[in-house]
Amino acid sequence: MLLKEMRQKNHYTQDAIAKMLSIAKNTYYQYENGLRKVPTPILERLADIYGCSVDELLGRVQEQQLFDDARVPKSELIEIFEQLNEAQKAQLLNYARGMLDAKRLSDKQ
């Protein structure tokens, strides 16, 4: 289970998460350290807090996921990006930012 990783990634303390869940800090500590089974409603609330799925919290989803609607695994995009020189990386990032700006404008209309 990835409770600790997700908490740290999102810059929360155990105390803060326990308060959000309306449970004792020690109870959350036990969940995070595998000393106590996490009830499904708590897992669902944690997924909402972290903006992920319960499967991700349970470690069931691999890192390689589809990147937006491109239908290209993130790992492939990263691999391609890392092969570019610095000028090409800057050009690609500027192009992507321009695409996002255009999308935001069309979404507003």
PDB file of N, CA and C in Angstrom:
ATOM      1  N   MET A   1       0.853  -1.181   0.000  1.00  0.00           N
ATOM      2  CA  MET A   1       0.000   0.000   0.000  1.00  0.00           C
ATOM      3  C   MET A   1       0.893   1.238   0.000  1.00  0.00           C
ATOM      4  N   LEU A   2       0.470   2.260  -0.718  1.00  0.00           N
ATOM      5  CA  LEU A   2       1.296   3.447  -0.930  1.00  0.00           C
ATOM      6  C   LEU A   2       0.844   4.649  -0.113  1.00  0.00           C
ATOM      7  N   LEU A   3       0.304   4.420   1.057  1.00  0.00           N
ATOM      8  CA  LEU A   3      -0.231   5.529   1.850  1.00  0.00           C
ATOM      9  C   LEU A   3       0.851   6.543   2.204  1.00  0.00           C
ATOM     10  N   LYS A   4       1.981   6.062   2.676  1.00  0.00           N
ATOM     11  CA  LYS A   4       3.049   6.974   3.093  1.00  0.00           C
ATOM     12  C   LYS A   4       3.591   7.759   1.903  1.00  0.00           C
ATOM     13  N   GLU A   5       3.812   7.065   0.785  1.00  0.00           N
ATOM     14  CA  GLU A   5       4.339   7.725  -0.406  1.00  0.00           C
ATOM     15  C   GLU A   5       3.396   8.821  -0.906  1.00  0.00           C
ATOM     16  N   MET A   6       2.111   8.501  -0.940  1.00  0.00           N
ATOM     17  CA  MET A   6       1.134   9.488  -1.415  1.00  0.00           C
ATOM     18  C   MET A   6       1.041  10.667  -0.442  1.00  0.00           C
ATOM     19  N   ARG A   7       1.093  10.381   0.838  1.00  0.00           N
ATOM     20  CA  ARG A   7       1.024  11.464   1.832  1.00  0.00           C
ATOM     21  C   ARG A   7       2.221  12.392   1.680  1.00  0.00           C
ATOM     22  N   GLN A   8       3.400  11.810   1.580  1.00  0.00           N
ATOM     23  CA  GLN A   8       4.605  12.627   1.451  1.00  0.00           C
ATOM     24  C   GLN A   8       4.643  13.385   0.119  1.00  0.00           C
ATOM     25  N   LYS A   9       4.227  12.726  -0.934  1.00  0.00           N
ATOM     26  CA  LYS A   9       4.186  13.364  -2.257  1.00  0.00           C
ATOM     27  C   LYS A   9       3.287  14.602  -2.241  1.00  0.00           C
ATOM     28  N   ASN A  10       2.230  14.547  -1.461  1.00  0.00           N
ATOM     29  CA  ASN A  10       1.275  15.654  -1.384  1.00  0.00           C
ATOM     30  C   ASN A  10       1.550  16.602  -0.210  1.00  0.00           C
ATOM     31  N   HIS A  11       2.674  16.397   0.453  1.00  0.00           N
ATOM     32  CA  HIS A  11       3.157  17.284   1.523  1.00  0.00           C
ATOM     33  C   HIS A  11       2.199  17.399   2.713  1.00  0.00           C
ATOM     34  N   TYR A  12       1.664  16.249   3.117  1.00  0.00           N
ATOM     35  CA  TYR A  12       0.808  16.211   4.302  1.00  0.00           C
ATOM     36  C   TYR A  12       1.538  15.507   5.436  1.00  0.00           C
ATOM     37  N   THR A  13       1.181  15.852   6.656  1.00  0.00           N
ATOM     38  CA  THR A  13       1.659  15.112   7.817  1.00  0.00           C
ATOM     39  C   THR A  13       0.633  14.039   8.156  1.00  0.00           C
ATOM     40  N   GLN A  14       1.055  13.071   8.964  1.00  0.00           N
ATOM     41  CA  GLN A  14       0.100  12.056   9.418  1.00  0.00           C
ATOM     42  C   GLN A  14      -1.029  12.708  10.203  1.00  0.00           C
ATOM     43  N   ASP A  15      -0.678  13.692  11.000  1.00  0.00           N
ATOM     44  CA  ASP A  15      -1.676  14.389  11.805  1.00  0.00           C
ATOM     45  C   ASP A  15      -2.720  15.074  10.928  1.00  0.00           C
ATOM     46  N   ALA A  16      -2.261  15.727   9.867  1.00  0.00           N
ATOM     47  CA  ALA A  16      -3.188  16.427   8.968  1.00  0.00           C
ATOM     48  C   ALA A  16      -4.149  15.443   8.302  1.00  0.00           C
ATOM     49  N   ILE A  17      -3.614  14.323   7.828  1.00  0.00           N
ATOM     50  CA  ILE A  17      -4.473  13.323   7.177  1.00  0.00           C
ATOM     51  C   ILE A  17      -5.462  12.741   8.183  1.00  0.00           C
ATOM     52  N   ALA A  18      -4.982  12.439   9.378  1.00  0.00           N
ATOM     53  CA  ALA A  18      -5.874  11.896  10.411  1.00  0.00           C
ATOM     54  C   ALA A  18      -7.020  12.865  10.693  1.00  0.00           C
ATOM     55  N   LYS A  19      -6.721  14.151  10.765  1.00  0.00           N
ATOM     56  CA  LYS A  19      -7.771  15.150  10.998  1.00  0.00           C
ATOM     57  C   LYS A  19      -8.760  15.193   9.844  1.00  0.00           C
ATOM     58  N   MET A  20      -8.256  15.117   8.608  1.00  0.00           N
ATOM     59  CA  MET A  20      -9.154  15.125   7.440  1.00  0.00           C
ATOM     60  C   MET A  20     -10.077  13.916   7.443  1.00  0.00           C
ATOM     61  N   LEU A  21      -9.566  12.809   7.971  1.00  0.00           N
ATOM     62  CA  LEU A  21     -10.357  11.577   8.013  1.00  0.00           C
ATOM     63  C   LEU A  21     -11.182  11.454   9.288  1.00  0.00           C
ATOM     64  N   SER A  22     -10.996  12.408  10.205  1.00  0.00           N
ATOM     65  CA  SER A  22     -11.683  12.380  11.507  1.00  0.00           C
ATOM     66  C   SER A  22     -11.381  11.095  12.268  1.00  0.00           C
ATOM     67  N   ILE A  23     -10.103  10.718  12.278  1.00  0.00           N
ATOM     68  CA  ILE A  23      -9.656   9.548  13.027  1.00  0.00           C
ATOM     69  C   ILE A  23      -8.459   9.959  13.880  1.00  0.00           C
ATOM     70  N   ALA A  24      -8.086   9.104  14.818  1.00  0.00           N
ATOM     71  CA  ALA A  24      -6.922   9.369  15.662  1.00  0.00           C
ATOM     72  C   ALA A  24      -5.645   9.243  14.834  1.00  0.00           C
ATOM     73  N   LYS A  25      -4.655  10.054  15.184  1.00  0.00           N
ATOM     74  CA  LYS A  25      -3.370   9.994  14.487  1.00  0.00           C
ATOM     75  C   LYS A  25      -2.768   8.594  14.583  1.00  0.00           C
ATOM     76  N   ASN A  26      -2.887   7.958  15.723  1.00  0.00           N
ATOM     77  CA  ASN A  26      -2.354   6.615  15.910  1.00  0.00           C
ATOM     78  C   ASN A  26      -3.030   5.606  14.984  1.00  0.00           C
ATOM     79  N   THR A  27      -4.309   5.786  14.755  1.00  0.00           N
ATOM     80  CA  THR A  27      -5.028   4.895  13.834  1.00  0.00           C
ATOM     81  C   THR A  27      -4.463   5.043  12.431  1.00  0.00           C
ATOM     82  N   TYR A  28      -4.260   6.293  12.013  1.00  0.00           N
ATOM     83  CA  TYR A  28      -3.690   6.500  10.673  1.00  0.00           C
ATOM     84  C   TYR A  28      -2.280   5.925  10.600  1.00  0.00           C
ATOM     85  N   TYR A  29      -1.487   6.115  11.655  1.00  0.00           N
ATOM     86  CA  TYR A  29      -0.138   5.543  11.718  1.00  0.00           C
ATOM     87  C   TYR A  29      -0.193   4.030  11.493  1.00  0.00           C
ATOM     88  N   GLN A  30      -1.154   3.381  12.129  1.00  0.00           N
ATOM     89  CA  GLN A  30      -1.294   1.932  11.983  1.00  0.00           C
ATOM     90  C   GLN A  30      -1.672   1.551  10.557  1.00  0.00           C
ATOM     91  N   TYR A  31      -2.537   2.341   9.924  1.00  0.00           N
ATOM     92  CA  TYR A  31      -2.881   2.085   8.518  1.00  0.00           C
ATOM     93  C   TYR A  31      -1.623   2.189   7.654  1.00  0.00           C
ATOM     94  N   GLU A  32      -0.903   3.278   7.845  1.00  0.00           N
ATOM     95  CA  GLU A  32       0.247   3.565   7.002  1.00  0.00           C
ATOM     96  C   GLU A  32       1.353   2.525   7.173  1.00  0.00           C
ATOM     97  N   ASN A  33       1.464   1.952   8.341  1.00  0.00           N
ATOM     98  CA  ASN A  33       2.525   0.986   8.614  1.00  0.00           C
ATOM     99  C   ASN A  33       2.059  -0.467   8.545  1.00  0.00           C
ATOM    100  N   GLY A  34       0.866  -0.673   8.025  1.00  0.00           N
ATOM    101  CA  GLY A  34       0.375  -2.026   7.818  1.00  0.00           C
ATOM    102  C   GLY A  34       0.027  -2.782   9.084  1.00  0.00           C
ATOM    103  N   LEU A  35      -0.193  -2.052  10.165  1.00  0.00           N
ATOM    104  CA  LEU A  35      -0.535  -2.692  11.435  1.00  0.00           C
ATOM    105  C   LEU A  35      -2.037  -2.880  11.598  1.00  0.00           C
ATOM    106  N   ARG A  36      -2.778  -2.252  10.712  1.00  0.00           N
ATOM    107  CA  ARG A  36      -4.233  -2.294  10.785  1.00  0.00           C
ATOM    108  C   ARG A  36      -4.777  -2.198   9.369  1.00  0.00           C
ATOM    109  N   LYS A  37      -5.808  -2.976   9.068  1.00  0.00           N
ATOM    110  CA  LYS A  37      -6.421  -2.950   7.743  1.00  0.00           C
ATOM    111  C   LYS A  37      -7.201  -1.650   7.563  1.00  0.00           C
ATOM    112  N   VAL A  38      -7.027  -1.043   6.394  1.00  0.00           N
ATOM    113  CA  VAL A  38      -7.718   0.216   6.102  1.00  0.00           C
ATOM    114  C   VAL A  38      -9.116  -0.101   5.567  1.00  0.00           C
ATOM    115  N   PRO A  39     -10.156   0.396   6.233  1.00  0.00           N
ATOM    116  CA  PRO A  39     -11.519   0.167   5.736  1.00  0.00           C
ATOM    117  C   PRO A  39     -11.734   0.828   4.369  1.00  0.00           C
ATOM    118  N   THR A  40     -12.560   0.224   3.566  1.00  0.00           N
ATOM    119  CA  THR A  40     -12.823   0.729   2.220  1.00  0.00           C
ATOM    120  C   THR A  40     -13.267   2.197   2.209  1.00  0.00           C
ATOM    121  N   PRO A  41     -14.167   2.632   3.102  1.00  0.00           N
ATOM    122  CA  PRO A  41     -14.557   4.044   3.077  1.00  0.00           C
ATOM    123  C   PRO A  41     -13.373   4.991   3.323  1.00  0.00           C
ATOM    124  N   ILE A  42     -12.422   4.567   4.152  1.00  0.00           N
ATOM    125  CA  ILE A  42     -11.233   5.393   4.405  1.00  0.00           C
ATOM    126  C   ILE A  42     -10.358   5.433   3.150  1.00  0.00           C
ATOM    127  N   LEU A  43     -10.185   4.281   2.488  1.00  0.00           N
ATOM    128  CA  LEU A  43      -9.416   4.249   1.246  1.00  0.00           C
ATOM    129  C   LEU A  43     -10.032   5.170   0.196  1.00  0.00           C
ATOM    130  N   GLU A  44     -11.360   5.156   0.116  1.00  0.00           N
ATOM    131  CA  GLU A  44     -12.047   6.016  -0.856  1.00  0.00           C
ATOM    132  C   GLU A  44     -11.817   7.484  -0.538  1.00  0.00           C
ATOM    133  N   ARG A  45     -11.862   7.843   0.739  1.00  0.00           N
ATOM    134  CA  ARG A  45     -11.634   9.239   1.128  1.00  0.00           C
ATOM    135  C   ARG A  45     -10.192   9.653   0.866  1.00  0.00           C
ATOM    136  N   LEU A  46      -9.251   8.753   1.125  1.00  0.00           N
ATOM    137  CA  LEU A  46      -7.845   9.041   0.843  1.00  0.00           C
ATOM    138  C   LEU A  46      -7.623   9.247  -0.655  1.00  0.00           C
ATOM    139  N   ALA A  47      -8.255   8.412  -1.468  1.00  0.00           N
ATOM    140  CA  ALA A  47      -8.139   8.566  -2.923  1.00  0.00           C
ATOM    141  C   ALA A  47      -8.667   9.934  -3.351  1.00  0.00           C
ATOM    142  N   ASP A  48      -9.758  10.378  -2.751  1.00  0.00           N
ATOM    143  CA  ASP A  48     -10.293  11.710  -3.051  1.00  0.00           C
ATOM    144  C   ASP A  48      -9.316  12.805  -2.628  1.00  0.00           C
ATOM    145  N   ILE A  49      -8.730  12.653  -1.458  1.00  0.00           N
ATOM    146  CA  ILE A  49      -7.775  13.649  -0.957  1.00  0.00           C
ATOM    147  C   ILE A  49      -6.577  13.761  -1.895  1.00  0.00           C
ATOM    148  N   TYR A  50      -6.059  12.616  -2.339  1.00  0.00           N
ATOM    149  CA  TYR A  50      -4.859  12.605  -3.167  1.00  0.00           C
ATOM    150  C   TYR A  50      -5.139  12.731  -4.659  1.00  0.00           C
ATOM    151  N   GLY A  51      -6.403  12.695  -5.032  1.00  0.00           N
ATOM    152  CA  GLY A  51      -6.743  12.814  -6.447  1.00  0.00           C
ATOM    153  C   GLY A  51      -6.271  11.616  -7.259  1.00  0.00           C
ATOM    154  N   CYS A  52      -6.434  10.435  -6.681  1.00  0.00           N
ATOM    155  CA  CYS A  52      -6.028   9.215  -7.380  1.00  0.00           C
ATOM    156  C   CYS A  52      -7.112   8.162  -7.185  1.00  0.00           C
ATOM    157  N   SER A  53      -6.870   6.980  -7.703  1.00  0.00           N
ATOM    158  CA  SER A  53      -7.827   5.888  -7.515  1.00  0.00           C
ATOM    159  C   SER A  53      -7.422   5.046  -6.307  1.00  0.00           C
ATOM    160  N   VAL A  54      -8.367   4.266  -5.814  1.00  0.00           N
ATOM    161  CA  VAL A  54      -8.067   3.330  -4.731  1.00  0.00           C
ATOM    162  C   VAL A  54      -7.022   2.322  -5.224  1.00  0.00           C
ATOM    163  N   ASP A  55      -7.124   1.916  -6.474  1.00  0.00           N
ATOM    164  CA  ASP A  55      -6.135   0.992  -7.031  1.00  0.00           C
ATOM    165  C   ASP A  55      -4.727   1.574  -6.954  1.00  0.00           C
ATOM    166  N   GLU A  56      -4.589   2.865  -7.226  1.00  0.00           N
ATOM    167  CA  GLU A  56      -3.273   3.490  -7.119  1.00  0.00           C
ATOM    168  C   GLU A  56      -2.769   3.457  -5.677  1.00  0.00           C
ATOM    169  N   LEU A  57      -3.650   3.732  -4.720  1.00  0.00           N
ATOM    170  CA  LEU A  57      -3.257   3.667  -3.311  1.00  0.00           C
ATOM    171  C   LEU A  57      -2.801   2.261  -2.928  1.00  0.00           C
ATOM    172  N   LEU A  58      -3.433   1.271  -3.512  1.00  0.00           N
ATOM    173  CA  LEU A  58      -3.101  -0.117  -3.207  1.00  0.00           C
ATOM    174  C   LEU A  58      -1.896  -0.610  -4.007  1.00  0.00           C
ATOM    175  N   GLY A  59      -1.373   0.238  -4.890  1.00  0.00           N
ATOM    176  CA  GLY A  59      -0.212  -0.142  -5.691  1.00  0.00           C
ATOM    177  C   GLY A  59      -0.555  -1.055  -6.846  1.00  0.00           C
ATOM    178  N   ARG A  60      -1.796  -1.047  -7.274  1.00  0.00           N
ATOM    179  CA  ARG A  60      -2.242  -1.937  -8.355  1.00  0.00           C
ATOM    180  C   ARG A  60      -2.079  -1.343  -9.745  1.00  0.00           C
ATOM    181  N   VAL A  61      -1.789  -0.060  -9.831  1.00  0.00           N
ATOM    182  CA  VAL A  61      -1.652   0.605 -11.121  1.00  0.00           C
ATOM    183  C   VAL A  61      -0.176   0.834 -11.364  1.00  0.00           C
ATOM    184  N   GLN A  62       0.291   0.403 -12.508  1.00  0.00           N
ATOM    185  CA  GLN A  62       1.695   0.615 -12.846  1.00  0.00           C
ATOM    186  C   GLN A  62       1.930   2.073 -13.184  1.00  0.00           C
ATOM    187  N   GLU A  63       3.181   2.518 -13.033  1.00  0.00           N
ATOM    188  CA  GLU A  63       3.559   3.899 -13.330  1.00  0.00           C
ATOM    189  C   GLU A  63       3.233   4.254 -14.782  1.00  0.00           C
ATOM    190  N   GLN A  64       3.403   3.295 -15.685  1.00  0.00           N
ATOM    191  CA  GLN A  64       3.167   3.554 -17.098  1.00  0.00           C
ATOM    192  C   GLN A  64       1.667   3.650 -17.349  1.00  0.00           C
ATOM    193  N   GLN A  65       1.216   4.856 -17.584  1.00  0.00           N
ATOM    194  CA  GLN A  65      -0.191   5.086 -17.875  1.00  0.00           C
ATOM    195  C   GLN A  65      -0.287   5.906 -19.147  1.00  0.00           C
ATOM    196  N   LEU A  66      -1.473   5.963 -19.706  1.00  0.00           N
ATOM    197  CA  LEU A  66      -1.647   6.753 -20.911  1.00  0.00           C
ATOM    198  C   LEU A  66      -1.565   8.234 -20.586  1.00  0.00           C
ATOM    199  N   PHE A  67      -0.920   8.968 -21.451  1.00  0.00           N
ATOM    200  CA  PHE A  67      -0.720  10.400 -21.271  1.00  0.00           C
ATOM    201  C   PHE A  67      -1.841  11.130 -21.979  1.00  0.00           C
ATOM    202  N   ASP A  68      -2.772  11.666 -21.180  1.00  0.00           N
ATOM    203  CA  ASP A  68      -3.928  12.383 -21.700  1.00  0.00           C
ATOM    204  C   ASP A  68      -4.589  11.583 -22.804  1.00  0.00           C
ATOM    205  N   ASP A  69      -4.898  12.238 -23.926  1.00  0.00           N
ATOM    206  CA  ASP A  69      -5.564  11.553 -25.035  1.00  0.00           C
ATOM    207  C   ASP A  69      -4.584  11.121 -26.109  1.00  0.00           C
ATOM    208  N   ALA A  70      -3.292  11.250 -25.863  1.00  0.00           N
ATOM    209  CA  ALA A  70      -2.292  10.926 -26.872  1.00  0.00           C
ATOM    210  C   ALA A  70      -2.188   9.419 -27.099  1.00  0.00           C
ATOM    211  N   ARG A  71      -2.650   8.626 -26.165  1.00  0.00           N
ATOM    212  CA  ARG A  71      -2.583   7.167 -26.235  1.00  0.00           C
ATOM    213  C   ARG A  71      -1.140   6.681 -26.363  1.00  0.00           C
ATOM    214  N   VAL A  72      -0.235   7.437 -25.762  1.00  0.00           N
ATOM    215  CA  VAL A  72       1.177   7.066 -25.717  1.00  0.00           C
ATOM    216  C   VAL A  72       1.555   6.934 -24.250  1.00  0.00           C
ATOM    217  N   PRO A  73       2.159   5.825 -23.860  1.00  0.00           N
ATOM    218  CA  PRO A  73       2.551   5.678 -22.456  1.00  0.00           C
ATOM    219  C   PRO A  73       3.505   6.787 -22.026  1.00  0.00           C
ATOM    220  N   LYS A  74       3.352   7.250 -20.786  1.00  0.00           N
ATOM    221  CA  LYS A  74       4.217   8.305 -20.268  1.00  0.00           C
ATOM    222  C   LYS A  74       5.678   7.919 -20.400  1.00  0.00           C
ATOM    223  N   SER A  75       5.988   6.666 -20.129  1.00  0.00           N
ATOM    224  CA  SER A  75       7.386   6.234 -20.179  1.00  0.00           C
ATOM    225  C   SER A  75       7.974   6.433 -21.576  1.00  0.00           C
ATOM    226  N   GLU A  76       7.193   6.219 -22.615  1.00  0.00           N
ATOM    227  CA  GLU A  76       7.681   6.421 -23.978  1.00  0.00           C
ATOM    228  C   GLU A  76       7.945   7.897 -24.246  1.00  0.00           C
ATOM    229  N   LEU A  77       7.040   8.759 -23.778  1.00  0.00           N
ATOM    230  CA  LEU A  77       7.244  10.192 -23.953  1.00  0.00           C
ATOM    231  C   LEU A  77       8.499  10.670 -23.222  1.00  0.00           C
ATOM    232  N   ILE A  78       8.697  10.170 -22.026  1.00  0.00           N
ATOM    233  CA  ILE A  78       9.883  10.546 -21.250  1.00  0.00           C
ATOM    234  C   ILE A  78      11.147  10.049 -21.948  1.00  0.00           C
ATOM    235  N   GLU A  79      11.093   8.827 -22.442  1.00  0.00           N
ATOM    236  CA  GLU A  79      12.251   8.255 -23.140  1.00  0.00           C
ATOM    237  C   GLU A  79      12.611   9.089 -24.370  1.00  0.00           C
ATOM    238  N   ILE A  80      11.626   9.486 -25.138  1.00  0.00           N
ATOM    239  CA  ILE A  80      11.864  10.322 -26.320  1.00  0.00           C
ATOM    240  C   ILE A  80      12.431  11.669 -25.906  1.00  0.00           C
ATOM    241  N   PHE A  81      11.815  12.285 -24.917  1.00  0.00           N
ATOM    242  CA  PHE A  81      12.252  13.605 -24.449  1.00  0.00           C
ATOM    243  C   PHE A  81      13.709  13.566 -23.994  1.00  0.00           C
ATOM    244  N   GLU A  82      14.086  12.533 -23.271  1.00  0.00           N
ATOM    245  CA  GLU A  82      15.450  12.434 -22.751  1.00  0.00           C
ATOM    246  C   GLU A  82      16.496  12.262 -23.842  1.00  0.00           C
ATOM    247  N   GLN A  83      16.093  11.824 -25.017  1.00  0.00           N
ATOM    248  CA  GLN A  83      17.036  11.651 -26.132  1.00  0.00           C
ATOM    249  C   GLN A  83      17.288  12.949 -26.883  1.00  0.00           C
ATOM    250  N   LEU A  84      16.478  13.973 -26.620  1.00  0.00           N
ATOM    251  CA  LEU A  84      16.631  15.246 -27.315  1.00  0.00           C
ATOM    252  C   LEU A  84      17.759  16.065 -26.692  1.00  0.00           C
ATOM    253  N   ASN A  85      18.354  16.961 -27.522  1.00  0.00           N
ATOM    254  CA  ASN A  85      19.338  17.878 -26.948  1.00  0.00           C
ATOM    255  C   ASN A  85      18.589  19.022 -26.274  1.00  0.00           C
ATOM    256  N   GLU A  86      19.303  19.881 -25.577  1.00  0.00           N
ATOM    257  CA  GLU A  86      18.656  20.940 -24.781  1.00  0.00           C
ATOM    258  C   GLU A  86      17.812  21.877 -25.643  1.00  0.00           C
ATOM    259  N   ALA A  87      18.306  22.241 -26.809  1.00  0.00           N
ATOM    260  CA  ALA A  87      17.552  23.141 -27.700  1.00  0.00           C
ATOM    261  C   ALA A  87      16.258  22.474 -28.159  1.00  0.00           C
ATOM    262  N   GLN A  88      16.324  21.196 -28.487  1.00  0.00           N
ATOM    263  CA  GLN A  88      15.126  20.464 -28.922  1.00  0.00           C
ATOM    264  C   GLN A  88      14.119  20.333 -27.780  1.00  0.00           C
ATOM    265  N   LYS A  89      14.629  20.098 -26.566  1.00  0.00           N
ATOM    266  CA  LYS A  89      13.736  20.011 -25.404  1.00  0.00           C
ATOM    267  C   LYS A  89      13.012  21.338 -25.196  1.00  0.00           C
ATOM    268  N   ALA A  90      13.747  22.445 -25.284  1.00  0.00           N
ATOM    269  CA  ALA A  90      13.133  23.762 -25.106  1.00  0.00           C
ATOM    270  C   ALA A  90      12.089  24.021 -26.181  1.00  0.00           C
ATOM    271  N   GLN A  91      12.401  23.654 -27.407  1.00  0.00           N
ATOM    272  CA  GLN A  91      11.458  23.844 -28.513  1.00  0.00           C
ATOM    273  C   GLN A  91      10.191  23.015 -28.298  1.00  0.00           C
ATOM    274  N   LEU A  92      10.368  21.775 -27.894  1.00  0.00           N
ATOM    275  CA  LEU A  92       9.218  20.904 -27.654  1.00  0.00           C
ATOM    276  C   LEU A  92       8.355  21.434 -26.513  1.00  0.00           C
ATOM    277  N   LEU A  93       8.979  21.887 -25.424  1.00  0.00           N
ATOM    278  CA  LEU A  93       8.219  22.440 -24.305  1.00  0.00           C
ATOM    279  C   LEU A  93       7.452  23.693 -24.716  1.00  0.00           C
ATOM    280  N   ASN A  94       8.080  24.563 -25.489  1.00  0.00           N
ATOM    281  CA  ASN A  94       7.390  25.770 -25.971  1.00  0.00           C
ATOM    282  C   ASN A  94       6.206  25.407 -26.854  1.00  0.00           C
ATOM    283  N   TYR A  95       6.390  24.409 -27.709  1.00  0.00           N
ATOM    284  CA  TYR A  95       5.305  23.953 -28.573  1.00  0.00           C
ATOM    285  C   TYR A  95       4.141  23.411 -27.737  1.00  0.00           C
ATOM    286  N   ALA A  96       4.472  22.583 -26.741  1.00  0.00           N
ATOM    287  CA  ALA A  96       3.433  22.005 -25.879  1.00  0.00           C
ATOM    288  C   ALA A  96       2.703  23.090 -25.097  1.00  0.00           C
ATOM    289  N   ARG A  97       3.446  24.077 -24.601  1.00  0.00           N
ATOM    290  CA  ARG A  97       2.805  25.183 -23.874  1.00  0.00           C
ATOM    291  C   ARG A  97       1.864  25.960 -24.784  1.00  0.00           C
ATOM    292  N   GLY A  98       2.286  26.167 -26.030  1.00  0.00           N
ATOM    293  CA  GLY A  98       1.419  26.843 -26.995  1.00  0.00           C
ATOM    294  C   GLY A  98       0.141  26.057 -27.258  1.00  0.00           C
ATOM    295  N   MET A  99       0.275  24.750 -27.346  1.00  0.00           N
ATOM    296  CA  MET A  99      -0.903  23.905 -27.541  1.00  0.00           C
ATOM    297  C   MET A  99      -1.850  24.020 -26.350  1.00  0.00           C
ATOM    298  N   LEU A 100      -1.292  24.041 -25.139  1.00  0.00           N
ATOM    299  CA  LEU A 100      -2.133  24.179 -23.947  1.00  0.00           C
ATOM    300  C   LEU A 100      -2.836  25.533 -23.911  1.00  0.00           C
ATOM    301  N   ASP A 101      -2.111  26.591 -24.271  1.00  0.00           N
ATOM    302  CA  ASP A 101      -2.723  27.922 -24.311  1.00  0.00           C
ATOM    303  C   ASP A 101      -3.883  27.953 -25.299  1.00  0.00           C
ATOM    304  N   ALA A 102      -3.676  27.364 -26.473  1.00  0.00           N
ATOM    305  CA  ALA A 102      -4.730  27.323 -27.488  1.00  0.00           C
ATOM    306  C   ALA A 102      -5.928  26.520 -26.991  1.00  0.00           C
ATOM    307  N   LYS A 103      -5.661  25.417 -26.310  1.00  0.00           N
ATOM    308  CA  LYS A 103      -6.751  24.591 -25.771  1.00  0.00           C
ATOM    309  C   LYS A 103      -7.539  25.366 -24.724  1.00  0.00           C
ATOM    310  N   ARG A 104      -6.827  26.078 -23.837  1.00  0.00           N
ATOM    311  CA  ARG A 104      -7.511  26.864 -22.801  1.00  0.00           C
ATOM    312  C   ARG A 104      -8.403  27.926 -23.426  1.00  0.00           C
ATOM    313  N   LEU A 105      -7.915  28.572 -24.467  1.00  0.00           N
ATOM    314  CA  LEU A 105      -8.712  29.606 -25.137  1.00  0.00           C
ATOM    315  C   LEU A 105      -9.959  28.993 -25.771  1.00  0.00           C
ATOM    316  N   SER A 106      -9.802  27.858 -26.422  1.00  0.00           N
ATOM    317  CA  SER A 106     -10.973  27.242 -27.069  1.00  0.00           C
ATOM    318  C   SER A 106     -11.953  26.703 -26.036  1.00  0.00           C
ATOM    319  N   ASP A 107     -11.447  26.262 -24.876  1.00  0.00           N
ATOM    320  CA  ASP A 107     -12.326  25.763 -23.805  1.00  0.00           C
ATOM    321  C   ASP A 107     -13.166  26.882 -23.222  1.00  0.00           C
ATOM    322  N   LYS A 108     -12.627  28.111 -23.209  1.00  0.00           N
ATOM    323  CA  LYS A 108     -13.350  29.256 -22.657  1.00  0.00           C
ATOM    324  C   LYS A 108     -14.492  29.715 -23.571  1.00  0.00           C
ATOM    325  N   GLN A 109     -14.369  29.408 -24.830  1.00  0.00           N
ATOM    326  CA  GLN A 109     -15.367  29.901 -25.809  1.00  0.00           C
ATOM    327  C   GLN A 109     -16.546  28.996 -25.924  1.00  0.00           C
TER     328      GLN A 109
END
